[in-house]
Amino acid sequence: MTWRKLSTQCVLVIAAASAVLAQTQPVELHPQISLPFRFVAYGDTRFTDPKNTEAANPSARQTLVEAIADAHPAFISIGGDIAYNGNDANDWKVWDKETAVWAEDKIPVYPALGNHDLHGDEKIALANYFQRFPDLQTNRYYSARAANTLLLMLDSSQDEISGPQGEWLAHELDTLPADVDFVCLVLHHPPYTDSADQFFGGGHSARPSEQALAKMLEERQAYTRARFVVIAGHVHNYERHEHGGVTYFVTGGGAARPYMIPRKPGDPMFGKDVNYHFLLVEVDRGKMKVTMNRLELASGKANWTTPDSAEIAAPAAAAAKAGK
């Protein structure tokens, strides 16, 4: 199949925290995307001095960047913790250097803020962040429309369902265009995870704010034609969960120091502790396929496998397939 960047607009809809909803205007980021298209989602890259192998695995990080470029995605979604320390200009210079291939190929990057991106002096950290992503116009949450897919990029350092961000999110979900098949909500902290704060070697529990977000989405999914897909990071591993018609991915395998996840037999990741990876998301009319591309480095050689994938259908497409 040939992947084309042709007819359908892909626009970035900017919503400032203080903006009046009615004043929100779409901003075109890259000219055109048509179905079918593919994009990449992953997170927790922790760009920093390659000598700092405690924070991240530089070989894995660089190999992932090159493989993502080779996949020729329409865009890349990064779910936070892009830099190891957001206020460190040198960490962002490593980002500039190691992702130069993306810039050369003119691949747009849609980021969500992670806690490491806000490390240190927050004003300096945000200045470094927005310097790399000027199209965001200093907005910490925003949306991007690509063909039949709407991306809602959230800032999970703020409550997702209350305050200005919550009002904006509710408005976006209340006014979904009729031709949107999929709504991908991208944020740093996961609503569901089998990790826990107390795990030896590191881990994170799901927080009440993201659990409340999940509850709201699952209630809405029952009467929403478009399918909700949540893509998060923060936990440095891979997970997939299904709840209330919503598919949840944890994709924190961008190279940060791995966190172990307890696995049960039957889990496609059973026996696989370190899961550096990215998600390849292939979108067509009424259907989406998400494939976990796992990287294992052995004696300096990159070995790639695809141990897990999920096919997601918009309700109308699923009903037609079932002959309803």
C-alpha atoms as a PDB file:
ATOM      1  CA  MET A   1       0.000   0.000   0.000  1.00  0.00           C
ATOM      2  CA  THR A   2       1.302   3.483  -0.831  1.00  0.00           C
ATOM      3  CA  TRP A   3       1.086   6.027   1.932  1.00  0.00           C
ATOM      4  CA  ARG A   4       0.096   9.422   0.646  1.00  0.00           C
ATOM      5  CA  LYS A   5       0.126  12.953   1.974  1.00  0.00           C
ATOM      6  CA  LEU A   6      -2.489  14.389  -0.355  1.00  0.00           C
ATOM      7  CA  SER A   7      -5.935  15.832   0.039  1.00  0.00           C
ATOM      8  CA  THR A   8      -7.298  16.070   3.585  1.00  0.00           C
ATOM      9  CA  GLN A   9      -6.177  18.948   5.744  1.00  0.00           C
ATOM     10  CA  CYS A  10      -4.244  18.224   8.906  1.00  0.00           C
ATOM     11  CA  VAL A  11      -4.650  21.205  11.164  1.00  0.00           C
ATOM     12  CA  LEU A  12      -3.605  22.060  14.651  1.00  0.00           C
ATOM     13  CA  VAL A  13      -6.337  23.674  16.698  1.00  0.00           C
ATOM     14  CA  ILE A  14      -4.782  25.842  19.349  1.00  0.00           C
ATOM     15  CA  ALA A  15      -6.579  26.422  22.647  1.00  0.00           C
ATOM     16  CA  ALA A  16      -4.893  28.559  25.271  1.00  0.00           C
ATOM     17  CA  ALA A  17      -5.684  27.905  28.900  1.00  0.00           C
ATOM     18  CA  SER A  18      -7.246  31.328  29.169  1.00  0.00           C
ATOM     19  CA  ALA A  19      -8.833  31.400  25.736  1.00  0.00           C
ATOM     20  CA  VAL A  20     -12.541  31.745  25.168  1.00  0.00           C
ATOM     21  CA  LEU A  21     -13.713  28.583  23.398  1.00  0.00           C
ATOM     22  CA  ALA A  22     -15.536  30.497  20.702  1.00  0.00           C
ATOM     23  CA  GLN A  23     -12.285  32.260  19.814  1.00  0.00           C
ATOM     24  CA  THR A  24     -10.341  29.061  19.179  1.00  0.00           C
ATOM     25  CA  GLN A  25      -9.127  29.044  15.588  1.00  0.00           C
ATOM     26  CA  PRO A  26      -7.523  26.191  13.625  1.00  0.00           C
ATOM     27  CA  VAL A  27      -3.917  26.598  12.538  1.00  0.00           C
ATOM     28  CA  GLU A  28      -2.645  24.527   9.632  1.00  0.00           C
ATOM     29  CA  LEU A  29       0.599  22.770  10.557  1.00  0.00           C
ATOM     30  CA  HIS A  30       1.295  20.697   7.457  1.00  0.00           C
ATOM     31  CA  PRO A  31      -0.648  20.970   4.283  1.00  0.00           C
ATOM     32  CA  GLN A  32      -2.507  17.761   3.559  1.00  0.00           C
ATOM     33  CA  ILE A  33      -3.062  14.189   4.725  1.00  0.00           C
ATOM     34  CA  SER A  34      -5.347  11.662   3.077  1.00  0.00           C
ATOM     35  CA  LEU A  35      -6.507   8.197   4.005  1.00  0.00           C
ATOM     36  CA  PRO A  36      -4.825   5.870   4.533  1.00  0.00           C
ATOM     37  CA  PHE A  37      -2.063   7.376   6.642  1.00  0.00           C
ATOM     38  CA  ARG A  38       0.236   6.306   9.448  1.00  0.00           C
ATOM     39  CA  PHE A  39       1.701   8.047  12.441  1.00  0.00           C
ATOM     40  CA  VAL A  40       4.015   7.105  15.282  1.00  0.00           C
ATOM     41  CA  ALA A  41       3.303   7.461  18.998  1.00  0.00           C
ATOM     42  CA  TYR A  42       5.718   6.915  21.847  1.00  0.00           C
ATOM     43  CA  GLY A  43       7.194   8.705  24.847  1.00  0.00           C
ATOM     44  CA  ASP A  44       9.724   8.983  27.663  1.00  0.00           C
ATOM     45  CA  THR A  45      12.708   9.566  25.436  1.00  0.00           C
ATOM     46  CA  ARG A  46      14.675  11.594  28.005  1.00  0.00           C
ATOM     47  CA  PHE A  47      17.027  13.307  25.593  1.00  0.00           C
ATOM     48  CA  THR A  48      20.159  14.120  27.577  1.00  0.00           C
ATOM     49  CA  ASP A  49      23.926  13.725  27.456  1.00  0.00           C
ATOM     50  CA  PRO A  50      24.577  10.263  25.937  1.00  0.00           C
ATOM     51  CA  LYS A  51      27.074   9.692  28.731  1.00  0.00           C
ATOM     52  CA  ASN A  52      24.199   9.678  31.212  1.00  0.00           C
ATOM     53  CA  THR A  53      23.208   6.041  30.815  1.00  0.00           C
ATOM     54  CA  GLU A  54      21.414   6.014  34.177  1.00  0.00           C
ATOM     55  CA  ALA A  55      18.676   8.327  32.897  1.00  0.00           C
ATOM     56  CA  ALA A  56      18.272   6.718  29.485  1.00  0.00           C
ATOM     57  CA  ASN A  57      19.788   4.315  26.991  1.00  0.00           C
ATOM     58  CA  PRO A  58      21.307   6.523  24.270  1.00  0.00           C
ATOM     59  CA  SER A  59      21.755   3.642  21.814  1.00  0.00           C
ATOM     60  CA  ALA A  60      18.105   2.663  22.109  1.00  0.00           C
ATOM     61  CA  ARG A  61      16.988   6.288  21.853  1.00  0.00           C
ATOM     62  CA  GLN A  62      18.995   6.922  18.706  1.00  0.00           C
ATOM     63  CA  THR A  63      17.981   3.621  17.106  1.00  0.00           C
ATOM     64  CA  LEU A  64      14.313   4.383  17.746  1.00  0.00           C
ATOM     65  CA  VAL A  65      14.654   7.839  16.195  1.00  0.00           C
ATOM     66  CA  GLU A  66      16.202   6.373  13.042  1.00  0.00           C
ATOM     67  CA  ALA A  67      13.597   3.598  12.787  1.00  0.00           C
ATOM     68  CA  ILE A  68      10.778   6.104  13.174  1.00  0.00           C
ATOM     69  CA  ALA A  69      12.229   8.216  10.379  1.00  0.00           C
ATOM     70  CA  ASP A  70      12.460   5.095   8.205  1.00  0.00           C
ATOM     71  CA  ALA A  71       8.738   4.421   8.829  1.00  0.00           C
ATOM     72  CA  HIS A  72       7.903   7.725   7.065  1.00  0.00           C
ATOM     73  CA  PRO A  73       5.002   8.668   9.363  1.00  0.00           C
ATOM     74  CA  ALA A  74       2.736  11.599   8.575  1.00  0.00           C
ATOM     75  CA  PHE A  75       3.581  12.902  12.052  1.00  0.00           C
ATOM     76  CA  ILE A  76       5.015  11.831  15.396  1.00  0.00           C
ATOM     77  CA  SER A  77       3.218  12.085  18.721  1.00  0.00           C
ATOM     78  CA  ILE A  78       5.421  12.155  21.829  1.00  0.00           C
ATOM     79  CA  GLY A  79       3.661  11.673  25.152  1.00  0.00           C
ATOM     80  CA  GLY A  80       6.008  13.640  27.358  1.00  0.00           C
ATOM     81  CA  ASP A  81       9.379  13.464  29.098  1.00  0.00           C
ATOM     82  CA  ILE A  82      11.045  14.453  25.881  1.00  0.00           C
ATOM     83  CA  ALA A  83      14.004  15.947  27.726  1.00  0.00           C
ATOM     84  CA  TYR A  84      15.479  14.587  30.933  1.00  0.00           C
ATOM     85  CA  ASN A  85      15.525  18.040  32.536  1.00  0.00           C
ATOM     86  CA  GLY A  86      13.343  20.576  30.782  1.00  0.00           C
ATOM     87  CA  ASN A  87      15.260  23.583  32.080  1.00  0.00           C
ATOM     88  CA  ASP A  88      18.600  22.223  30.853  1.00  0.00           C
ATOM     89  CA  ALA A  89      19.439  23.814  27.521  1.00  0.00           C
ATOM     90  CA  ASN A  90      22.029  21.122  26.864  1.00  0.00           C
ATOM     91  CA  ASP A  91      19.407  18.370  27.065  1.00  0.00           C
ATOM     92  CA  TRP A  92      17.393  20.149  24.394  1.00  0.00           C
ATOM     93  CA  LYS A  93      20.520  20.521  22.247  1.00  0.00           C
ATOM     94  CA  VAL A  94      20.779  16.719  22.330  1.00  0.00           C
ATOM     95  CA  TRP A  95      17.150  16.605  21.109  1.00  0.00           C
ATOM     96  CA  ASP A  96      18.079  18.999  18.299  1.00  0.00           C
ATOM     97  CA  LYS A  97      21.031  16.867  17.255  1.00  0.00           C
ATOM     98  CA  GLU A  98      19.524  13.399  17.587  1.00  0.00           C
ATOM     99  CA  THR A  99      16.197  14.240  15.891  1.00  0.00           C
ATOM    100  CA  ALA A 100      17.752  16.246  13.056  1.00  0.00           C
ATOM    101  CA  VAL A 101      16.669  13.497  10.642  1.00  0.00           C
ATOM    102  CA  TRP A 102      13.018  14.218  11.482  1.00  0.00           C
ATOM    103  CA  ALA A 103      13.517  17.912  10.760  1.00  0.00           C
ATOM    104  CA  GLU A 104      15.304  17.093   7.506  1.00  0.00           C
ATOM    105  CA  ASP A 105      12.397  14.876   6.460  1.00  0.00           C
ATOM    106  CA  LYS A 106       9.936  17.579   7.568  1.00  0.00           C
ATOM    107  CA  ILE A 107       8.041  15.205   9.873  1.00  0.00           C
ATOM    108  CA  PRO A 108       5.820  17.222  12.237  1.00  0.00           C
ATOM    109  CA  VAL A 109       6.073  16.407  15.940  1.00  0.00           C
ATOM    110  CA  TYR A 110       3.071  16.828  18.244  1.00  0.00           C
ATOM    111  CA  PRO A 111       4.212  16.736  21.884  1.00  0.00           C
ATOM    112  CA  ALA A 112       2.418  16.446  25.198  1.00  0.00           C
ATOM    113  CA  LEU A 113       4.094  17.842  28.296  1.00  0.00           C
ATOM    114  CA  GLY A 114       5.647  15.413  30.767  1.00  0.00           C
ATOM    115  CA  ASN A 115       6.867  16.038  34.291  1.00  0.00           C
ATOM    116  CA  HIS A 116      10.528  15.928  33.196  1.00  0.00           C
ATOM    117  CA  ASP A 117       9.813  18.567  30.558  1.00  0.00           C
ATOM    118  CA  LEU A 118       8.884  20.869  33.453  1.00  0.00           C
ATOM    119  CA  HIS A 119      11.863  20.001  35.683  1.00  0.00           C
ATOM    120  CA  GLY A 120      13.738  22.871  37.284  1.00  0.00           C
ATOM    121  CA  ASP A 121      12.706  26.459  36.667  1.00  0.00           C
ATOM    122  CA  GLU A 122       9.374  25.976  34.914  1.00  0.00           C
ATOM    123  CA  LYS A 123       9.583  29.241  32.975  1.00  0.00           C
ATOM    124  CA  ILE A 124      12.960  28.258  31.543  1.00  0.00           C
ATOM    125  CA  ALA A 125      11.738  24.710  30.902  1.00  0.00           C
ATOM    126  CA  LEU A 126       8.669  25.922  29.003  1.00  0.00           C
ATOM    127  CA  ALA A 127      10.775  28.413  27.039  1.00  0.00           C
ATOM    128  CA  ASN A 128      13.027  25.545  25.915  1.00  0.00           C
ATOM    129  CA  TYR A 129       9.977  23.432  25.036  1.00  0.00           C
ATOM    130  CA  PHE A 130       8.108  26.058  23.040  1.00  0.00           C
ATOM    131  CA  GLN A 131      11.298  27.088  21.241  1.00  0.00           C
ATOM    132  CA  ARG A 132      11.255  23.590  19.684  1.00  0.00           C
ATOM    133  CA  PHE A 133       7.512  23.636  18.989  1.00  0.00           C
ATOM    134  CA  PRO A 134       6.643  27.207  17.953  1.00  0.00           C
ATOM    135  CA  ASP A 135       3.416  26.150  16.229  1.00  0.00           C
ATOM    136  CA  LEU A 136       1.905  25.501  19.668  1.00  0.00           C
ATOM    137  CA  GLN A 137       2.009  29.258  20.298  1.00  0.00           C
ATOM    138  CA  THR A 138       2.820  28.628  23.990  1.00  0.00           C
ATOM    139  CA  ASN A 139      -0.281  26.497  24.522  1.00  0.00           C
ATOM    140  CA  ARG A 140       0.117  23.572  26.906  1.00  0.00           C
ATOM    141  CA  TYR A 141      -2.818  21.620  25.434  1.00  0.00           C
ATOM    142  CA  TYR A 142      -4.216  21.651  21.906  1.00  0.00           C
ATOM    143  CA  SER A 143      -5.792  19.509  19.203  1.00  0.00           C
ATOM    144  CA  ALA A 144      -4.678  18.249  15.806  1.00  0.00           C
ATOM    145  CA  ARG A 145      -7.013  17.084  13.045  1.00  0.00           C
ATOM    146  CA  ALA A 146      -5.655  14.537  10.575  1.00  0.00           C
ATOM    147  CA  ALA A 147      -8.221  13.175   8.084  1.00  0.00           C
ATOM    148  CA  ASN A 148     -10.741  11.141  10.136  1.00  0.00           C
ATOM    149  CA  THR A 149      -8.677  11.345  13.335  1.00  0.00           C
ATOM    150  CA  LEU A 150      -8.702  14.018  16.014  1.00  0.00           C
ATOM    151  CA  LEU A 151      -5.773  14.192  18.426  1.00  0.00           C
ATOM    152  CA  LEU A 152      -6.374  15.883  21.759  1.00  0.00           C
ATOM    153  CA  MET A 153      -2.991  16.616  23.314  1.00  0.00           C
ATOM    154  CA  LEU A 154      -3.386  17.111  27.065  1.00  0.00           C
ATOM    155  CA  ASP A 155      -1.221  18.591  29.794  1.00  0.00           C
ATOM    156  CA  SER A 156      -1.444  16.147  32.687  1.00  0.00           C
ATOM    157  CA  SER A 157       0.402  18.511  35.018  1.00  0.00           C
ATOM    158  CA  GLN A 158      -3.011  20.228  35.157  1.00  0.00           C
ATOM    159  CA  ASP A 159      -6.309  18.552  35.935  1.00  0.00           C
ATOM    160  CA  GLU A 160      -7.718  17.134  32.715  1.00  0.00           C
ATOM    161  CA  ILE A 161     -11.446  17.365  33.421  1.00  0.00           C
ATOM    162  CA  SER A 162     -11.792  20.579  35.437  1.00  0.00           C
ATOM    163  CA  GLY A 163     -10.678  24.160  35.042  1.00  0.00           C
ATOM    164  CA  PRO A 164      -9.883  25.696  31.637  1.00  0.00           C
ATOM    165  CA  GLN A 165      -8.401  22.473  30.235  1.00  0.00           C
ATOM    166  CA  GLY A 166     -11.425  20.458  31.370  1.00  0.00           C
ATOM    167  CA  GLU A 167     -13.817  22.985  29.835  1.00  0.00           C
ATOM    168  CA  TRP A 168     -11.883  22.899  26.569  1.00  0.00           C
ATOM    169  CA  LEU A 169     -11.805  19.085  26.541  1.00  0.00           C
ATOM    170  CA  ALA A 170     -15.553  18.858  27.191  1.00  0.00           C
ATOM    171  CA  HIS A 171     -16.182  21.319  24.378  1.00  0.00           C
ATOM    172  CA  GLU A 172     -14.024  19.302  21.967  1.00  0.00           C
ATOM    173  CA  LEU A 173     -15.852  16.081  22.836  1.00  0.00           C
ATOM    174  CA  ASP A 174     -19.263  17.743  22.702  1.00  0.00           C
ATOM    175  CA  THR A 175     -18.659  19.111  19.207  1.00  0.00           C
ATOM    176  CA  LEU A 176     -16.928  16.250  17.420  1.00  0.00           C
ATOM    177  CA  PRO A 177     -17.283  16.564  13.638  1.00  0.00           C
ATOM    178  CA  ALA A 178     -19.459  13.850  12.126  1.00  0.00           C
ATOM    179  CA  ASP A 179     -16.604  12.576   9.959  1.00  0.00           C
ATOM    180  CA  VAL A 180     -14.247  11.877  12.886  1.00  0.00           C
ATOM    181  CA  ASP A 181     -13.842   8.124  13.373  1.00  0.00           C
ATOM    182  CA  PHE A 182     -11.166   8.219  16.070  1.00  0.00           C
ATOM    183  CA  VAL A 183     -10.280  10.519  18.928  1.00  0.00           C
ATOM    184  CA  CYS A 184      -6.755   9.932  20.244  1.00  0.00           C
ATOM    185  CA  LEU A 185      -6.151  11.511  23.626  1.00  0.00           C
ATOM    186  CA  VAL A 186      -2.426  11.842  24.273  1.00  0.00           C
ATOM    187  CA  LEU A 187      -1.084  12.664  27.733  1.00  0.00           C
ATOM    188  CA  HIS A 188       1.831  11.789  29.933  1.00  0.00           C
ATOM    189  CA  HIS A 189       0.268  10.114  32.993  1.00  0.00           C
ATOM    190  CA  PRO A 190      -1.666   6.887  32.274  1.00  0.00           C
ATOM    191  CA  PRO A 191      -5.238   6.283  33.469  1.00  0.00           C
ATOM    192  CA  TYR A 192      -4.517   2.532  33.726  1.00  0.00           C
ATOM    193  CA  THR A 193      -1.262   0.751  34.504  1.00  0.00           C
ATOM    194  CA  ASP A 194      -0.068  -2.430  36.195  1.00  0.00           C
ATOM    195  CA  SER A 195       2.913  -0.489  37.508  1.00  0.00           C
ATOM    196  CA  ALA A 196       2.989   0.964  41.040  1.00  0.00           C
ATOM    197  CA  ASP A 197       4.876   3.667  42.896  1.00  0.00           C
ATOM    198  CA  GLN A 198       6.347   1.203  45.374  1.00  0.00           C
ATOM    199  CA  PHE A 199       7.889  -1.182  42.831  1.00  0.00           C
ATOM    200  CA  PHE A 200      11.570  -1.902  43.362  1.00  0.00           C
ATOM    201  CA  GLY A 201      13.559  -0.269  40.581  1.00  0.00           C
ATOM    202  CA  GLY A 202      10.891   2.323  39.869  1.00  0.00           C
ATOM    203  CA  GLY A 203       7.286   2.531  38.790  1.00  0.00           C
ATOM    204  CA  HIS A 204       4.177   4.684  38.874  1.00  0.00           C
ATOM    205  CA  SER A 205       0.606   4.124  39.991  1.00  0.00           C
ATOM    206  CA  ALA A 206      -2.353   5.577  38.113  1.00  0.00           C
ATOM    207  CA  ARG A 207      -3.375   8.867  39.723  1.00  0.00           C
ATOM    208  CA  PRO A 208      -6.924   9.879  40.717  1.00  0.00           C
ATOM    209  CA  SER A 209      -7.039  12.668  38.116  1.00  0.00           C
ATOM    210  CA  GLU A 210      -6.376  10.287  35.220  1.00  0.00           C
ATOM    211  CA  GLN A 211      -8.724   7.682  36.699  1.00  0.00           C
ATOM    212  CA  ALA A 212     -11.425  10.371  36.676  1.00  0.00           C
ATOM    213  CA  LEU A 213     -10.580  11.156  33.059  1.00  0.00           C
ATOM    214  CA  ALA A 214     -10.997   7.477  32.165  1.00  0.00           C
ATOM    215  CA  LYS A 215     -14.375   7.334  33.920  1.00  0.00           C
ATOM    216  CA  MET A 216     -15.568  10.345  31.962  1.00  0.00           C
ATOM    217  CA  LEU A 217     -14.354   8.933  28.640  1.00  0.00           C
ATOM    218  CA  GLU A 218     -15.949   5.541  29.222  1.00  0.00           C
ATOM    219  CA  GLU A 219     -19.261   7.169  30.077  1.00  0.00           C
ATOM    220  CA  ARG A 220     -19.090   9.250  26.912  1.00  0.00           C
ATOM    221  CA  GLN A 221     -17.965   6.330  24.749  1.00  0.00           C
ATOM    222  CA  ALA A 222     -21.325   4.656  25.287  1.00  0.00           C
ATOM    223  CA  TYR A 223     -23.045   7.345  23.216  1.00  0.00           C
ATOM    224  CA  THR A 224     -20.194   8.574  20.981  1.00  0.00           C
ATOM    225  CA  ARG A 225     -19.858   7.261  17.431  1.00  0.00           C
ATOM    226  CA  ALA A 226     -16.111   7.914  17.263  1.00  0.00           C
ATOM    227  CA  ARG A 227     -13.803   5.554  19.141  1.00  0.00           C
ATOM    228  CA  PHE A 228     -11.664   6.902  21.963  1.00  0.00           C
ATOM    229  CA  VAL A 229      -8.027   5.788  22.113  1.00  0.00           C
ATOM    230  CA  VAL A 230      -5.825   6.957  24.997  1.00  0.00           C
ATOM    231  CA  ILE A 231      -2.043   7.058  24.545  1.00  0.00           C
ATOM    232  CA  ALA A 232       0.058   7.760  27.636  1.00  0.00           C
ATOM    233  CA  GLY A 233       3.570   7.236  28.946  1.00  0.00           C
ATOM    234  CA  HIS A 234       5.265   7.929  32.310  1.00  0.00           C
ATOM    235  CA  VAL A 235       5.626   4.188  32.970  1.00  0.00           C
ATOM    236  CA  HIS A 236       8.774   3.140  31.107  1.00  0.00           C
ATOM    237  CA  ASN A 237       7.337   0.059  29.476  1.00  0.00           C
ATOM    238  CA  TYR A 238       4.448  -1.070  27.272  1.00  0.00           C
ATOM    239  CA  GLU A 239       0.881  -1.930  28.261  1.00  0.00           C
ATOM    240  CA  ARG A 240      -2.512  -2.194  26.575  1.00  0.00           C
ATOM    241  CA  HIS A 241      -5.805  -2.072  28.464  1.00  0.00           C
ATOM    242  CA  GLU A 242      -9.458  -2.179  27.375  1.00  0.00           C
ATOM    243  CA  HIS A 243     -12.161  -0.615  29.531  1.00  0.00           C
ATOM    244  CA  GLY A 244     -15.662   0.519  28.661  1.00  0.00           C
ATOM    245  CA  GLY A 245     -15.046   0.489  24.920  1.00  0.00           C
ATOM    246  CA  VAL A 246     -11.918   2.641  25.251  1.00  0.00           C
ATOM    247  CA  THR A 247      -8.462   1.322  24.333  1.00  0.00           C
ATOM    248  CA  TYR A 248      -5.602   2.521  26.521  1.00  0.00           C
ATOM    249  CA  PHE A 249      -1.927   2.296  25.576  1.00  0.00           C
ATOM    250  CA  VAL A 250       1.051   2.915  27.815  1.00  0.00           C
ATOM    251  CA  THR A 251       3.987   3.649  25.527  1.00  0.00           C
ATOM    252  CA  GLY A 252       6.850   4.807  27.708  1.00  0.00           C
ATOM    253  CA  GLY A 253       9.572   2.847  25.961  1.00  0.00           C
ATOM    254  CA  GLY A 254      11.376   5.713  24.240  1.00  0.00           C
ATOM    255  CA  ALA A 255      14.681   4.924  26.034  1.00  0.00           C
ATOM    256  CA  ALA A 256      14.173   6.063  29.647  1.00  0.00           C
ATOM    257  CA  ARG A 257      15.469   3.671  32.314  1.00  0.00           C
ATOM    258  CA  PRO A 258      13.029   0.728  32.156  1.00  0.00           C
ATOM    259  CA  TYR A 259      10.411  -0.039  34.796  1.00  0.00           C
ATOM    260  CA  MET A 260       9.411  -3.660  35.266  1.00  0.00           C
ATOM    261  CA  ILE A 261       5.740  -4.646  34.849  1.00  0.00           C
ATOM    262  CA  PRO A 262       4.225  -7.803  36.374  1.00  0.00           C
ATOM    263  CA  ARG A 263       2.973  -9.991  33.523  1.00  0.00           C
ATOM    264  CA  LYS A 264       0.623 -12.943  33.555  1.00  0.00           C
ATOM    265  CA  PRO A 265       0.940 -15.928  31.195  1.00  0.00           C
ATOM    266  CA  GLY A 266      -0.919 -15.096  28.010  1.00  0.00           C
ATOM    267  CA  ASP A 267       0.227 -11.494  28.044  1.00  0.00           C
ATOM    268  CA  PRO A 268       2.110 -10.985  24.744  1.00  0.00           C
ATOM    269  CA  MET A 269       4.825  -9.232  26.739  1.00  0.00           C
ATOM    270  CA  PHE A 270       5.201 -12.080  29.260  1.00  0.00           C
ATOM    271  CA  GLY A 271       8.911 -12.749  29.815  1.00  0.00           C
ATOM    272  CA  LYS A 272       9.885  -9.462  28.182  1.00  0.00           C
ATOM    273  CA  ASP A 273      11.079  -7.037  30.855  1.00  0.00           C
ATOM    274  CA  VAL A 274      12.796  -4.260  28.929  1.00  0.00           C
ATOM    275  CA  ASN A 275      10.539  -2.996  26.162  1.00  0.00           C
ATOM    276  CA  TYR A 276      12.016  -0.128  24.223  1.00  0.00           C
ATOM    277  CA  HIS A 277       9.507   0.515  21.465  1.00  0.00           C
ATOM    278  CA  PHE A 278       7.285   2.807  19.448  1.00  0.00           C
ATOM    279  CA  LEU A 279       3.694   2.412  18.283  1.00  0.00           C
ATOM    280  CA  LEU A 280       2.944   2.468  14.571  1.00  0.00           C
ATOM    281  CA  VAL A 281      -0.645   3.645  14.100  1.00  0.00           C
ATOM    282  CA  GLU A 282      -2.180   2.906  10.697  1.00  0.00           C
ATOM    283  CA  VAL A 283      -5.446   4.680   9.963  1.00  0.00           C
ATOM    284  CA  ASP A 284      -7.996   4.123   7.244  1.00  0.00           C
ATOM    285  CA  ARG A 285     -11.691   4.819   6.886  1.00  0.00           C
ATOM    286  CA  GLY A 286     -13.414   3.396   9.950  1.00  0.00           C
ATOM    287  CA  LYS A 287     -10.439   1.382  11.115  1.00  0.00           C
ATOM    288  CA  MET A 288      -7.190   1.823  12.987  1.00  0.00           C
ATOM    289  CA  LYS A 289      -4.396  -0.656  13.624  1.00  0.00           C
ATOM    290  CA  VAL A 290      -1.847  -0.030  16.378  1.00  0.00           C
ATOM    291  CA  THR A 291       1.311  -2.155  16.322  1.00  0.00           C
ATOM    292  CA  MET A 292       3.951  -2.227  19.034  1.00  0.00           C
ATOM    293  CA  ASN A 293       7.397  -2.235  17.397  1.00  0.00           C
ATOM    294  CA  ARG A 294       9.796  -3.626  19.991  1.00  0.00           C
ATOM    295  CA  LEU A 295      13.533  -2.993  19.915  1.00  0.00           C
ATOM    296  CA  GLU A 296      16.054  -5.332  21.456  1.00  0.00           C
ATOM    297  CA  LEU A 297      19.730  -4.469  21.271  1.00  0.00           C
ATOM    298  CA  ALA A 298      22.071  -7.442  21.293  1.00  0.00           C
ATOM    299  CA  SER A 299      25.822  -6.966  20.823  1.00  0.00           C
ATOM    300  CA  GLY A 300      25.136  -3.616  19.209  1.00  0.00           C
ATOM    301  CA  LYS A 301      22.664  -5.086  16.717  1.00  0.00           C
ATOM    302  CA  ALA A 302      19.041  -3.952  16.547  1.00  0.00           C
ATOM    303  CA  ASN A 303      16.472  -6.753  16.548  1.00  0.00           C
ATOM    304  CA  TRP A 304      12.880  -5.745  15.843  1.00  0.00           C
ATOM    305  CA  THR A 305       9.705  -7.677  16.650  1.00  0.00           C
ATOM    306  CA  THR A 306       5.980  -6.849  16.773  1.00  0.00           C
ATOM    307  CA  PRO A 307       4.686  -8.818  19.781  1.00  0.00           C
ATOM    308  CA  ASP A 308       1.404  -6.960  20.147  1.00  0.00           C
ATOM    309  CA  SER A 309      -1.113  -5.171  17.950  1.00  0.00           C
ATOM    310  CA  ALA A 310      -4.711  -4.055  18.190  1.00  0.00           C
ATOM    311  CA  GLU A 311      -7.308  -3.374  15.522  1.00  0.00           C
ATOM    312  CA  ILE A 312      -9.853  -0.729  16.464  1.00  0.00           C
ATOM    313  CA  ALA A 313     -13.009  -0.057  14.469  1.00  0.00           C
ATOM    314  CA  ALA A 314     -15.282   2.935  14.627  1.00  0.00           C
ATOM    315  CA  PRO A 315     -18.746   1.756  15.763  1.00  0.00           C
ATOM    316  CA  ALA A 316     -20.360   2.339  12.363  1.00  0.00           C
ATOM    317  CA  ALA A 317     -17.618   0.328  10.661  1.00  0.00           C
ATOM    318  CA  ALA A 318     -17.855  -2.436  13.257  1.00  0.00           C
ATOM    319  CA  ALA A 319     -21.624  -2.687  12.793  1.00  0.00           C
ATOM    320  CA  ALA A 320     -21.266  -2.923   9.019  1.00  0.00           C
ATOM    321  CA  LYS A 321     -18.660  -5.672   9.359  1.00  0.00           C
ATOM    322  CA  ALA A 322     -21.044  -7.603  11.615  1.00  0.00           C
ATOM    323  CA  GLY A 323     -23.824  -7.205   9.036  1.00  0.00           C
ATOM    324  CA  LYS A 324     -26.009  -5.039  11.250  1.00  0.00           C
END
